[in-house]
Amino acid sequence: MQHDIIGINGSYADIHGGIEKHTDGSFTMYATIQDDVLFHQKYFYYTIAEARKLFKEALQEETNRYFLGV
């Protein structure tokens, strides 16, 4: 299986396909790190394309903090 993000210490993350929209106009994106750590970010005043780029960057930084198998 190919993962969406690979961390510098061998960990990995997979981005969930959907986006949760909120009544205040914001939306939340989700991913899972190493199959069991839920990662999410809420975005206001961004297009989905802008938020997706920011989300991938934030997810990469977070995934880099994990070690595979730990």
Protein backbone atom coordinates (compact mmCIF):
# COMPACT_ATOMS: atom_id res chain seq x y z
CA MET A 1 0.00 0.00 0.00
CA GLN A 2 1.28 3.44 -0.89
CA HIS A 3 0.77 6.13 1.74
CA ASP A 4 0.03 9.82 1.14
CA ILE A 5 2.82 11.10 3.42
CA ILE A 6 6.08 9.44 4.51
CA GLY A 7 7.86 10.83 7.56
CA ILE A 8 11.60 11.23 7.97
CA ASN A 9 11.67 8.45 10.59
CA GLY A 10 9.73 5.90 8.52
CA SER A 11 6.26 6.76 9.81
CA TYR A 12 3.41 7.34 7.38
CA ALA A 13 0.06 9.07 7.08
CA ASP A 14 -3.05 8.71 4.95
CA ILE A 15 -5.35 11.60 4.12
CA HIS A 16 -9.07 10.93 4.43
CA GLY A 17 -11.05 11.61 1.28
CA GLY A 18 -13.80 13.81 2.67
CA ILE A 19 -13.99 17.31 4.07
CA GLU A 20 -16.31 18.19 6.93
CA LYS A 21 -18.10 21.50 6.30
CA HIS A 22 -19.31 23.57 9.25
CA THR A 23 -22.19 26.06 9.52
CA ASP A 24 -19.75 28.92 10.22
CA GLY A 25 -18.23 28.52 6.74
CA SER A 26 -15.12 26.69 7.89
CA PHE A 27 -14.19 23.11 7.09
CA THR A 28 -12.04 20.38 8.62
CA MET A 29 -9.67 17.96 6.91
CA TYR A 30 -8.64 14.64 8.44
CA ALA A 31 -5.79 12.14 8.18
CA THR A 32 -4.55 9.13 10.11
CA ILE A 33 -0.91 8.73 11.13
CA GLN A 34 0.36 5.14 11.39
CA ASP A 35 -3.18 3.74 11.17
CA ASP A 36 -4.27 4.89 14.64
CA VAL A 37 -3.48 8.58 15.33
CA LEU A 38 -6.19 10.93 14.09
CA PHE A 39 -4.87 14.24 12.76
CA HIS A 40 -7.20 17.09 11.79
CA GLN A 41 -7.07 20.78 11.01
CA LYS A 42 -9.88 23.33 10.73
CA TYR A 43 -9.64 26.08 8.10
CA PHE A 44 -11.39 29.45 7.80
CA TYR A 45 -11.22 31.82 4.82
CA TYR A 46 -9.25 29.46 2.54
CA THR A 47 -10.21 27.79 -0.70
CA ILE A 48 -10.16 24.02 -0.59
CA ALA A 49 -7.05 23.99 -2.80
CA GLU A 50 -5.20 26.40 -0.48
CA ALA A 51 -6.29 24.48 2.61
CA ARG A 52 -5.27 21.14 1.07
CA LYS A 53 -1.73 22.49 0.48
CA LEU A 54 -1.51 23.82 4.05
CA PHE A 55 -2.94 20.57 5.40
CA LYS A 56 -0.35 18.44 3.58
CA GLU A 57 2.45 20.65 4.93
CA ALA A 58 1.11 20.42 8.50
CA LEU A 59 0.60 16.67 8.18
CA GLN A 60 4.16 16.21 6.90
CA GLU A 61 5.52 18.13 9.90
CA GLU A 62 3.43 16.08 12.33
CA THR A 63 4.28 12.75 10.66
CA ASN A 64 7.99 13.60 10.89
CA ARG A 65 7.64 13.59 14.70
CA TYR A 66 6.71 9.89 14.78
CA PHE A 67 8.93 6.83 14.56
CA LEU A 68 7.67 3.73 12.75
CA GLY A 69 6.68 1.02 15.22
CA VAL A 70 6.89 3.21 18.31
